[in-house]
Amino acid sequence: AQNILVIKTVSGMAMAVAAALDAMEYEEIVGSIAGDDTIMCA
């Protein structure tokens, strides 16, 4: 949605997937917020 990346995950996995995404160090991503099954990346 514009410059917001929205990733849907298996229930309960959003934080782990966001941590993995952070570890991959995509320089385009400014920051991420994870809930239960959704990650939003600026």
All heavy atoms as atom14 arrays in JSON, in Angstrom:
{
  "sequence": "AQNILVIKTVSGMAMAVAAALDAMEYEEIVGSIAGDDTIMCA",
  "atom14_mask": [
    [1, 1, 1, 1, 1, 0, 0, 0, 0, 0, 0, 0, 0, 0],
    [1, 1, 1, 1, 1, 1, 1, 1, 1, 0, 0, 0, 0, 0],
    [1, 1, 1, 1, 1, 1, 1, 1, 0, 0, 0, 0, 0, 0],
    [1, 1, 1, 1, 1, 1, 1, 1, 0, 0, 0, 0, 0, 0],
    [1, 1, 1, 1, 1, 1, 1, 1, 0, 0, 0, 0, 0, 0],
    [1, 1, 1, 1, 1, 1, 1, 0, 0, 0, 0, 0, 0, 0],
    [1, 1, 1, 1, 1, 1, 1, 1, 0, 0, 0, 0, 0, 0],
    [1, 1, 1, 1, 1, 1, 1, 1, 1, 0, 0, 0, 0, 0],
    [1, 1, 1, 1, 1, 1, 1, 0, 0, 0, 0, 0, 0, 0],
    [1, 1, 1, 1, 1, 1, 1, 0, 0, 0, 0, 0, 0, 0],
    [1, 1, 1, 1, 1, 1, 0, 0, 0, 0, 0, 0, 0, 0],
    [1, 1, 1, 1, 0, 0, 0, 0, 0, 0, 0, 0, 0, 0],
    [1, 1, 1, 1, 1, 1, 1, 1, 0, 0, 0, 0, 0, 0],
    [1, 1, 1, 1, 1, 0, 0, 0, 0, 0, 0, 0, 0, 0],
    [1, 1, 1, 1, 1, 1, 1, 1, 0, 0, 0, 0, 0, 0],
    [1, 1, 1, 1, 1, 0, 0, 0, 0, 0, 0, 0, 0, 0],
    [1, 1, 1, 1, 1, 1, 1, 0, 0, 0, 0, 0, 0, 0],
    [1, 1, 1, 1, 1, 0, 0, 0, 0, 0, 0, 0, 0, 0],
    [1, 1, 1, 1, 1, 0, 0, 0, 0, 0, 0, 0, 0, 0],
    [1, 1, 1, 1, 1, 0, 0, 0, 0, 0, 0, 0, 0, 0],
    [1, 1, 1, 1, 1, 1, 1, 1, 0, 0, 0, 0, 0, 0],
    [1, 1, 1, 1, 1, 1, 1, 1, 0, 0, 0, 0, 0, 0],
    [1, 1, 1, 1, 1, 0, 0, 0, 0, 0, 0, 0, 0, 0],
    [1, 1, 1, 1, 1, 1, 1, 1, 0, 0, 0, 0, 0, 0],
    [1, 1, 1, 1, 1, 1, 1, 1, 1, 0, 0, 0, 0, 0],
    [1, 1, 1, 1, 1, 1, 1, 1, 1, 1, 1, 1, 0, 0],
    [1, 1, 1, 1, 1, 1, 1, 1, 1, 0, 0, 0, 0, 0],
    [1, 1, 1, 1, 1, 1, 1, 1, 1, 0, 0, 0, 0, 0],
    [1, 1, 1, 1, 1, 1, 1, 1, 0, 0, 0, 0, 0, 0],
    [1, 1, 1, 1, 1, 1, 1, 0, 0, 0, 0, 0, 0, 0],
    [1, 1, 1, 1, 0, 0, 0, 0, 0, 0, 0, 0, 0, 0],
    [1, 1, 1, 1, 1, 1, 0, 0, 0, 0, 0, 0, 0, 0],
    [1, 1, 1, 1, 1, 1, 1, 1, 0, 0, 0, 0, 0, 0],
    [1, 1, 1, 1, 1, 0, 0, 0, 0, 0, 0, 0, 0, 0],
    [1, 1, 1, 1, 0, 0, 0, 0, 0, 0, 0, 0, 0, 0],
    [1, 1, 1, 1, 1, 1, 1, 1, 0, 0, 0, 0, 0, 0],
    [1, 1, 1, 1, 1, 1, 1, 1, 0, 0, 0, 0, 0, 0],
    [1, 1, 1, 1, 1, 1, 1, 0, 0, 0, 0, 0, 0, 0],
    [1, 1, 1, 1, 1, 1, 1, 1, 0, 0, 0, 0, 0, 0],
    [1, 1, 1, 1, 1, 1, 1, 1, 0, 0, 0, 0, 0, 0],
    [1, 1, 1, 1, 1, 1, 0, 0, 0, 0, 0, 0, 0, 0],
    [1, 1, 1, 1, 1, 0, 0, 0, 0, 0, 0, 0, 0, 0]
  ],
  "atom14_positions": [
    [[0.89, -1.15, 0.0], [0.0, 0.0, 0.0], [0.93, 1.21, 0.0], [1.5, 1.55, 1.03], [-0.9, 0.0, 1.22], [0.0, 0.0, 0.0], [0.0, 0.0, 0.0], [0.0, 0.0, 0.0], [0.0, 0.0, 0.0], [0.0, 0.0, 0.0], [0.0, 0.0, 0.0], [0.0, 0.0, 0.0], [0.0, 0.0, 0.0], [0.0, 0.0, 0.0]],
    [[1.14, 1.79, -1.18], [2.12, 2.87, -1.35], [3.5, 2.36, -0.91], [3.97, 1.39, -1.45], [1.69, 4.13, -0.6], [0.38, 4.73, -1.1], [0.46, 5.26, -2.52], [1.47, 5.77, -2.95], [-0.63, 5.12, -3.26], [0.0, 0.0, 0.0], [0.0, 0.0, 0.0], [0.0, 0.0, 0.0], [0.0, 0.0, 0.0], [0.0, 0.0, 0.0]],
    [[4.1, 3.01, 0.1], [5.42, 2.56, 0.53], [5.37, 1.68, 1.79], [6.33, 1.57, 2.52], [6.35, 3.76, 0.77], [5.93, 4.57, 1.97], [4.75, 4.83, 2.17], [6.89, 4.97, 2.78], [0.0, 0.0, 0.0], [0.0, 0.0, 0.0], [0.0, 0.0, 0.0], [0.0, 0.0, 0.0], [0.0, 0.0, 0.0], [0.0, 0.0, 0.0]],
    [[4.23, 1.05, 2.03], [4.07, 0.12, 3.15], [3.99, -1.29, 2.58], [3.15, -1.59, 1.73], [2.8, 0.41, 3.97], [2.78, 1.84, 4.49], [2.65, -0.61, 5.1], [3.82, 2.16, 5.54], [0.0, 0.0, 0.0], [0.0, 0.0, 0.0], [0.0, 0.0, 0.0], [0.0, 0.0, 0.0], [0.0, 0.0, 0.0], [0.0, 0.0, 0.0]],
    [[4.89, -2.14, 3.05], [4.9, -3.55, 2.67], [4.09, -4.3, 3.71], [4.32, -4.11, 4.92], [6.35, -4.04, 2.66], [6.62, -5.46, 2.23], [6.34, -5.61, 0.74], [8.07, -5.8, 2.5], [0.0, 0.0, 0.0], [0.0, 0.0, 0.0], [0.0, 0.0, 0.0], [0.0, 0.0, 0.0], [0.0, 0.0, 0.0], [0.0, 0.0, 0.0]],
    [[3.11, -5.1, 3.29], [2.27, -5.86, 4.21], [2.49, -7.34, 3.94], [2.22, -7.83, 2.84], [0.77, -5.5, 4.05], [-0.08, -6.31, 5.02], [0.55, -4.01, 4.26], [0.0, 0.0, 0.0], [0.0, 0.0, 0.0], [0.0, 0.0, 0.0], [0.0, 0.0, 0.0], [0.0, 0.0, 0.0], [0.0, 0.0, 0.0], [0.0, 0.0, 0.0]],
    [[3.01, -8.04, 4.94], [3.28, -9.47, 4.82], [2.35, -10.21, 5.76], [2.29, -9.92, 6.95], [4.75, -9.79, 5.18], [5.69, -9.01, 4.25], [5.01, -11.29, 5.1], [7.14, -9.04, 4.69], [0.0, 0.0, 0.0], [0.0, 0.0, 0.0], [0.0, 0.0, 0.0], [0.0, 0.0, 0.0], [0.0, 0.0, 0.0], [0.0, 0.0, 0.0]],
    [[1.6, -11.17, 5.21], [0.73, -12.03, 6.02], [1.51, -13.31, 6.31], [2.2, -13.84, 5.45], [-0.56, -12.38, 5.26], [-1.49, -11.2, 5.07], [-2.11, -10.8, 6.38], [-3.21, -9.8, 6.18], [-3.85, -9.48, 7.45], [0.0, 0.0, 0.0], [0.0, 0.0, 0.0], [0.0, 0.0, 0.0], [0.0, 0.0, 0.0], [0.0, 0.0, 0.0]],
    [[1.39, -13.79, 7.55], [2.1, -15.0, 7.97], [1.13, -16.01, 8.56], [-0.03, -15.69, 8.82], [3.16, -14.68, 9.04], [2.51, -14.33, 10.26], [4.11, -13.57, 8.6], [0.0, 0.0, 0.0], [0.0, 0.0, 0.0], [0.0, 0.0, 0.0], [0.0, 0.0, 0.0], [0.0, 0.0, 0.0], [0.0, 0.0, 0.0], [0.0, 0.0, 0.0]],
    [[1.65, -17.19, 8.82], [0.93, -18.19, 9.58], [0.67, -17.59, 10.96], [1.51, -16.85, 11.48], [1.79, -19.47, 9.69], [1.14, -20.5, 10.6], [2.08, -20.05, 8.31], [0.0, 0.0, 0.0], [0.0, 0.0, 0.0], [0.0, 0.0, 0.0], [0.0, 0.0, 0.0], [0.0, 0.0, 0.0], [0.0, 0.0, 0.0], [0.0, 0.0, 0.0]],
    [[-0.47, -17.88, 11.55], [-0.82, -17.33, 12.85], [0.28, -17.6, 13.88], [0.79, -18.71, 13.99], [-2.14, -17.96, 13.33], [-2.51, -17.39, 14.56], [0.0, 0.0, 0.0], [0.0, 0.0, 0.0], [0.0, 0.0, 0.0], [0.0, 0.0, 0.0], [0.0, 0.0, 0.0], [0.0, 0.0, 0.0], [0.0, 0.0, 0.0], [0.0, 0.0, 0.0]],
    [[0.68, -16.54, 14.59], [1.7, -16.66, 15.62], [3.13, -16.54, 15.13], [4.07, -16.58, 15.91], [0.0, 0.0, 0.0], [0.0, 0.0, 0.0], [0.0, 0.0, 0.0], [0.0, 0.0, 0.0], [0.0, 0.0, 0.0], [0.0, 0.0, 0.0], [0.0, 0.0, 0.0], [0.0, 0.0, 0.0], [0.0, 0.0, 0.0], [0.0, 0.0, 0.0]],
    [[3.33, -16.39, 13.82], [4.69, -16.38, 13.27], [5.18, -15.0, 12.84], [6.32, -14.85, 12.41], [4.77, -17.32, 12.06], [4.75, -18.79, 12.39], [6.3, -19.35, 13.12], [7.39, -19.26, 11.71], [0.0, 0.0, 0.0], [0.0, 0.0, 0.0], [0.0, 0.0, 0.0], [0.0, 0.0, 0.0], [0.0, 0.0, 0.0], [0.0, 0.0, 0.0]],
    [[4.35, -13.97, 12.95], [4.74, -12.66, 12.43], [6.02, -12.12, 13.06], [6.89, -11.61, 12.36], [3.59, -11.66, 12.58], [0.0, 0.0, 0.0], [0.0, 0.0, 0.0], [0.0, 0.0, 0.0], [0.0, 0.0, 0.0], [0.0, 0.0, 0.0], [0.0, 0.0, 0.0], [0.0, 0.0, 0.0], [0.0, 0.0, 0.0], [0.0, 0.0, 0.0]],
    [[6.16, -12.24, 14.38], [7.36, -11.7, 15.02], [8.62, -12.43, 14.58], [9.65, -11.8, 14.34], [7.23, -11.74, 16.54], [6.37, -10.64, 17.07], [6.59, -10.5, 18.84], [5.09, -9.66, 19.25], [0.0, 0.0, 0.0], [0.0, 0.0, 0.0], [0.0, 0.0, 0.0], [0.0, 0.0, 0.0], [0.0, 0.0, 0.0], [0.0, 0.0, 0.0]],
    [[8.54, -13.75, 14.46], [9.7, -14.53, 14.03], [10.05, -14.21, 12.58], [11.23, -14.05, 12.23], [9.43, -16.02, 14.19], [0.0, 0.0, 0.0], [0.0, 0.0, 0.0], [0.0, 0.0, 0.0], [0.0, 0.0, 0.0], [0.0, 0.0, 0.0], [0.0, 0.0, 0.0], [0.0, 0.0, 0.0], [0.0, 0.0, 0.0], [0.0, 0.0, 0.0]],
    [[9.04, -14.08, 11.72], [9.28, -13.75, 10.32], [9.86, -12.33, 10.21], [10.79, -12.09, 9.44], [7.99, -13.91, 9.47], [8.19, -13.36, 8.07], [7.59, -15.39, 9.4], [0.0, 0.0, 0.0], [0.0, 0.0, 0.0], [0.0, 0.0, 0.0], [0.0, 0.0, 0.0], [0.0, 0.0, 0.0], [0.0, 0.0, 0.0], [0.0, 0.0, 0.0]],
    [[9.34, -11.4, 11.02], [9.87, -10.03, 11.02], [11.33, -10.02, 11.49], [12.16, -9.31, 10.92], [9.01, -9.12, 11.89], [0.0, 0.0, 0.0], [0.0, 0.0, 0.0], [0.0, 0.0, 0.0], [0.0, 0.0, 0.0], [0.0, 0.0, 0.0], [0.0, 0.0, 0.0], [0.0, 0.0, 0.0], [0.0, 0.0, 0.0], [0.0, 0.0, 0.0]],
    [[11.64, -10.82, 12.51], [13.03, -10.91, 13.0], [13.93, -11.48, 11.9], [15.05, -10.99, 11.7], [13.1, -11.78, 14.25], [0.0, 0.0, 0.0], [0.0, 0.0, 0.0], [0.0, 0.0, 0.0], [0.0, 0.0, 0.0], [0.0, 0.0, 0.0], [0.0, 0.0, 0.0], [0.0, 0.0, 0.0], [0.0, 0.0, 0.0], [0.0, 0.0, 0.0]],
    [[13.44, -12.48, 11.17], [14.21, -13.05, 10.07], [14.41, -12.01, 8.97], [15.5, -11.86, 8.41], [13.51, -14.29, 9.52], [0.0, 0.0, 0.0], [0.0, 0.0, 0.0], [0.0, 0.0, 0.0], [0.0, 0.0, 0.0], [0.0, 0.0, 0.0], [0.0, 0.0, 0.0], [0.0, 0.0, 0.0], [0.0, 0.0, 0.0], [0.0, 0.0, 0.0]],
    [[13.35, -11.27, 8.66], [13.42, -10.22, 7.64], [14.43, -9.14, 8.05], [15.24, -8.7, 7.23], [12.02, -9.61, 7.45], [11.76, -8.77, 6.21], [11.96, -9.58, 4.94], [10.34, -8.23, 6.25], [0.0, 0.0, 0.0], [0.0, 0.0, 0.0], [0.0, 0.0, 0.0], [0.0, 0.0, 0.0], [0.0, 0.0, 0.0], [0.0, 0.0, 0.0]],
    [[14.4, -8.76, 9.32], [15.38, -7.79, 9.84], [16.8, -8.31, 9.68], [17.71, -7.58, 9.31], [15.12, -7.47, 11.32], [13.91, -6.57, 11.54], [13.42, -5.97, 10.55], [13.46, -6.49, 12.69], [0.0, 0.0, 0.0], [0.0, 0.0, 0.0], [0.0, 0.0, 0.0], [0.0, 0.0, 0.0], [0.0, 0.0, 0.0], [0.0, 0.0, 0.0]],
    [[16.99, -9.6, 9.96], [18.32, -10.2, 9.86], [18.83, -10.24, 8.41], [20.03, -10.22, 8.18], [18.3, -11.62, 10.44], [0.0, 0.0, 0.0], [0.0, 0.0, 0.0], [0.0, 0.0, 0.0], [0.0, 0.0, 0.0], [0.0, 0.0, 0.0], [0.0, 0.0, 0.0], [0.0, 0.0, 0.0], [0.0, 0.0, 0.0], [0.0, 0.0, 0.0]],
    [[17.89, -10.26, 7.46], [18.28, -10.25, 6.04], [18.74, -8.87, 5.59], [19.29, -8.71, 4.51], [17.14, -10.78, 5.18], [16.93, -12.28, 5.34], [15.71, -12.9, 4.17], [14.36, -13.26, 5.28], [0.0, 0.0, 0.0], [0.0, 0.0, 0.0], [0.0, 0.0, 0.0], [0.0, 0.0, 0.0], [0.0, 0.0, 0.0], [0.0, 0.0, 0.0]],
    [[18.5, -7.87, 6.42], [19.0, -6.51, 6.23], [18.7, -5.9, 4.86], [19.6, -5.44, 4.16], [20.51, -6.46, 6.5], [20.86, -6.81, 7.92], [22.36, -6.8, 8.18], [23.16, -6.72, 7.23], [22.72, -6.9, 9.36], [0.0, 0.0, 0.0], [0.0, 0.0, 0.0], [0.0, 0.0, 0.0], [0.0, 0.0, 0.0], [0.0, 0.0, 0.0]],
    [[17.44, -5.88, 4.49], [17.04, -5.18, 3.26], [17.16, -3.69, 3.53], [16.46, -3.14, 4.38], [15.59, -5.53, 2.88], [15.44, -6.93, 2.34], [14.85, -7.93, 3.09], [15.89, -7.24, 1.05], [14.7, -9.22, 2.59], [15.75, -8.51, 0.54], [15.16, -9.5, 1.32], [15.03, -10.76, 0.81], [0.0, 0.0, 0.0], [0.0, 0.0, 0.0]],
    [[18.05, -3.01, 2.81], [18.27, -1.59, 3.09], [17.08, -0.73, 2.73], [16.96, 0.4, 3.21], [19.53, -1.09, 2.4], [19.54, -1.26, 0.9], [20.89, -0.9, 0.29], [21.92, -1.26, 0.87], [20.88, -0.25, -0.75], [0.0, 0.0, 0.0], [0.0, 0.0, 0.0], [0.0, 0.0, 0.0], [0.0, 0.0, 0.0], [0.0, 0.0, 0.0]],
    [[16.16, -1.24, 1.92], [14.95, -0.48, 1.55], [13.99, -0.35, 2.73], [13.18, 0.56, 2.79], [14.19, -1.16, 0.4], [14.98, -1.37, -0.87], [15.69, -2.72, -0.94], [15.91, -3.36, 0.11], [16.02, -3.14, -2.05], [0.0, 0.0, 0.0], [0.0, 0.0, 0.0], [0.0, 0.0, 0.0], [0.0, 0.0, 0.0], [0.0, 0.0, 0.0]],
    [[14.06, -1.3, 3.68], [13.13, -1.31, 4.82], [13.66, -0.4, 5.92], [14.75, -0.59, 6.43], [12.91, -2.74, 5.35], [12.28, -3.62, 4.26], [12.04, -2.72, 6.61], [12.12, -5.08, 4.66], [0.0, 0.0, 0.0], [0.0, 0.0, 0.0], [0.0, 0.0, 0.0], [0.0, 0.0, 0.0], [0.0, 0.0, 0.0], [0.0, 0.0, 0.0]],
    [[12.85, 0.58, 6.28], [13.22, 1.53, 7.33], [12.92, 0.94, 8.7], [13.69, 1.11, 9.65], [12.46, 2.87, 7.15], [12.82, 3.84, 8.25], [12.74, 3.47, 5.78], [0.0, 0.0, 0.0], [0.0, 0.0, 0.0], [0.0, 0.0, 0.0], [0.0, 0.0, 0.0], [0.0, 0.0, 0.0], [0.0, 0.0, 0.0], [0.0, 0.0, 0.0]],
    [[11.8, 0.22, 8.81], [11.42, -0.4, 10.08], [10.22, -1.3, 9.89], [9.52, -1.2, 8.88], [0.0, 0.0, 0.0], [0.0, 0.0, 0.0], [0.0, 0.0, 0.0], [0.0, 0.0, 0.0], [0.0, 0.0, 0.0], [0.0, 0.0, 0.0], [0.0, 0.0, 0.0], [0.0, 0.0, 0.0], [0.0, 0.0, 0.0], [0.0, 0.0, 0.0]],
    [[9.99, -2.19, 10.85], [8.9, -3.16, 10.77], [8.14, -3.22, 12.08], [8.71, -3.01, 13.15], [9.45, -4.57, 10.5], [10.26, -4.6, 9.36], [0.0, 0.0, 0.0], [0.0, 0.0, 0.0], [0.0, 0.0, 0.0], [0.0, 0.0, 0.0], [0.0, 0.0, 0.0], [0.0, 0.0, 0.0], [0.0, 0.0, 0.0], [0.0, 0.0, 0.0]],
    [[6.85, -3.55, 11.96], [5.99, -3.79, 13.13], [5.3, -5.11, 12.87], [4.75, -5.34, 11.79], [4.94, -2.68, 13.29], [5.61, -1.33, 13.52], [3.99, -3.02, 14.45], [4.64, -0.16, 13.52], [0.0, 0.0, 0.0], [0.0, 0.0, 0.0], [0.0, 0.0, 0.0], [0.0, 0.0, 0.0], [0.0, 0.0, 0.0], [0.0, 0.0, 0.0]],
    [[5.33, -6.01, 13.88], [4.71, -7.33, 13.72], [3.62, -7.53, 14.76], [3.79, -7.18, 15.92], [5.77, -8.41, 13.86], [0.0, 0.0, 0.0], [0.0, 0.0, 0.0], [0.0, 0.0, 0.0], [0.0, 0.0, 0.0], [0.0, 0.0, 0.0], [0.0, 0.0, 0.0], [0.0, 0.0, 0.0], [0.0, 0.0, 0.0], [0.0, 0.0, 0.0]],
    [[2.52, -8.11, 14.3], [1.45, -8.52, 15.21], [1.47, -10.03, 15.32], [2.54, -10.64, 15.41], [0.0, 0.0, 0.0], [0.0, 0.0, 0.0], [0.0, 0.0, 0.0], [0.0, 0.0, 0.0], [0.0, 0.0, 0.0], [0.0, 0.0, 0.0], [0.0, 0.0, 0.0], [0.0, 0.0, 0.0], [0.0, 0.0, 0.0], [0.0, 0.0, 0.0]],
    [[0.31, -10.65, 15.27], [0.21, -12.11, 15.36], [0.46, -12.77, 14.0], [1.22, -13.72, 13.9], [-1.17, -12.52, 15.88], [-1.32, -14.03, 15.97], [-0.55, -14.64, 16.74], [-2.17, -14.6, 15.26], [0.0, 0.0, 0.0], [0.0, 0.0, 0.0], [0.0, 0.0, 0.0], [0.0, 0.0, 0.0], [0.0, 0.0, 0.0], [0.0, 0.0, 0.0]],
    [[-0.2, -12.23, 12.96], [-0.07, -12.84, 11.63], [0.15, -11.8, 10.52], [0.0, -12.11, 9.35], [-1.29, -13.7, 11.31], [-2.57, -12.88, 11.18], [-2.54, -11.66, 11.45], [-3.59, -13.46, 10.8], [0.0, 0.0, 0.0], [0.0, 0.0, 0.0], [0.0, 0.0, 0.0], [0.0, 0.0, 0.0], [0.0, 0.0, 0.0], [0.0, 0.0, 0.0]],
    [[0.52, -10.59, 10.9], [0.74, -9.53, 9.92], [1.97, -8.71, 10.29], [2.18, -8.39, 11.46], [-0.48, -8.59, 9.85], [-1.65, -9.37, 9.58], [-0.31, -7.54, 8.76], [0.0, 0.0, 0.0], [0.0, 0.0, 0.0], [0.0, 0.0, 0.0], [0.0, 0.0, 0.0], [0.0, 0.0, 0.0], [0.0, 0.0, 0.0], [0.0, 0.0, 0.0]],
    [[2.76, -8.39, 9.26], [3.92, -7.53, 9.44], [3.72, -6.32, 8.53], [3.36, -6.48, 7.37], [5.23, -8.25, 9.02], [5.41, -9.55, 9.79], [6.44, -7.32, 9.21], [6.42, -10.48, 9.18], [0.0, 0.0, 0.0], [0.0, 0.0, 0.0], [0.0, 0.0, 0.0], [0.0, 0.0, 0.0], [0.0, 0.0, 0.0], [0.0, 0.0, 0.0]],
    [[3.97, -5.14, 9.06], [3.94, -3.93, 8.24], [5.34, -3.35, 8.24], [5.91, -3.12, 9.31], [2.93, -2.93, 8.77], [1.5, -3.43, 8.66], [0.29, -2.25, 9.24], [0.42, -1.01, 7.97], [0.0, 0.0, 0.0], [0.0, 0.0, 0.0], [0.0, 0.0, 0.0], [0.0, 0.0, 0.0], [0.0, 0.0, 0.0], [0.0, 0.0, 0.0]],
    [[5.89, -3.13, 7.05], [7.24, -2.56, 6.92], [7.14, -1.22, 6.23], [6.55, -1.12, 5.16], [8.13, -3.48, 6.09], [8.3, -5.15, 6.71], [0.0, 0.0, 0.0], [0.0, 0.0, 0.0], [0.0, 0.0, 0.0], [0.0, 0.0, 0.0], [0.0, 0.0, 0.0], [0.0, 0.0, 0.0], [0.0, 0.0, 0.0], [0.0, 0.0, 0.0]],
    [[7.75, -0.21, 6.84], [7.86, 1.1, 6.18], [9.06, 1.0, 5.24], [10.16, 0.64, 5.65], [8.09, 2.19, 7.21], [0.0, 0.0, 0.0], [0.0, 0.0, 0.0], [0.0, 0.0, 0.0], [0.0, 0.0, 0.0], [0.0, 0.0, 0.0], [0.0, 0.0, 0.0], [0.0, 0.0, 0.0], [0.0, 0.0, 0.0], [0.0, 0.0, 0.0]]
  ]
}
